Amino acid sequence: MSLEPDPPADAEEEDWLRAALAGDRTASARLVERYWDRLYRWLCHLTRDRHAAEDLTQETFLKALAALPSFRPGSNFRAWLFRIGHNNFVNLKRATRRTRHPLPDDLTAAGTGLAELAVEDREALAVVGEAVAELPADFRSALLLRVEEGLSFREVAKVLGTTEETARWRVFKARQKLMKVLAPELLPPGAAAGE
């Protein structure tokens, strides 16, 4: 397991963090603006409920801003924020038993230019979205942090409160499960049978 330091935050974000810590509401708003959509989208994938994801996103930012004095300068703010979001999700999951629902259509479309895609592309995205939604929560959260958020395995491990090796394994297993489900859907007709 590597003990490399977190990648440095950009200078602008570090300035916002210092200002937010000093009570600057504009700086706090900029941090929220920078990460709201990404955190919301990730929590929406985890909860499969837009309203719950919105509540969790709001709760995460409230907790993060209140806990800002405990944030270690030079650390990865995004990973720290997503860790708080993950903890909120785990607490929600413990408090209620949820049934599985497919991803909302507007979430799949958010920011992807889906309106311009061909019908086949939309159908393929829907199949992938449904397959991702059916992954176990641990695998789904690790995969989405790695693929959608571009976090390193080390950062994924920090967010999920696990080891780097476990994070790698979860992403690997998620991809393996997706390939098993999606291969018949994505291969041309007859290809799976070796024709």
Foldseek 3Di string as FASTA:
>chain_A
DDPDAAPFDDPLLLVLLVVLVVPDVVSLVVVCVVCVVVQLLLQCLLQVDNVVSNVLSVVLSVVCSVCSVVDDHRHDVVLVSLLSSVVSSVVVVVVDPDDQDFRDPVSLVPPPPVVPDDPVVSVLSSQLSRLLSPDPSLLSSLQCCCPVVVDQLCSSCSSNVHHSVVSVVSPVVSVVSSCVRCVVVPDDPPVVVVD
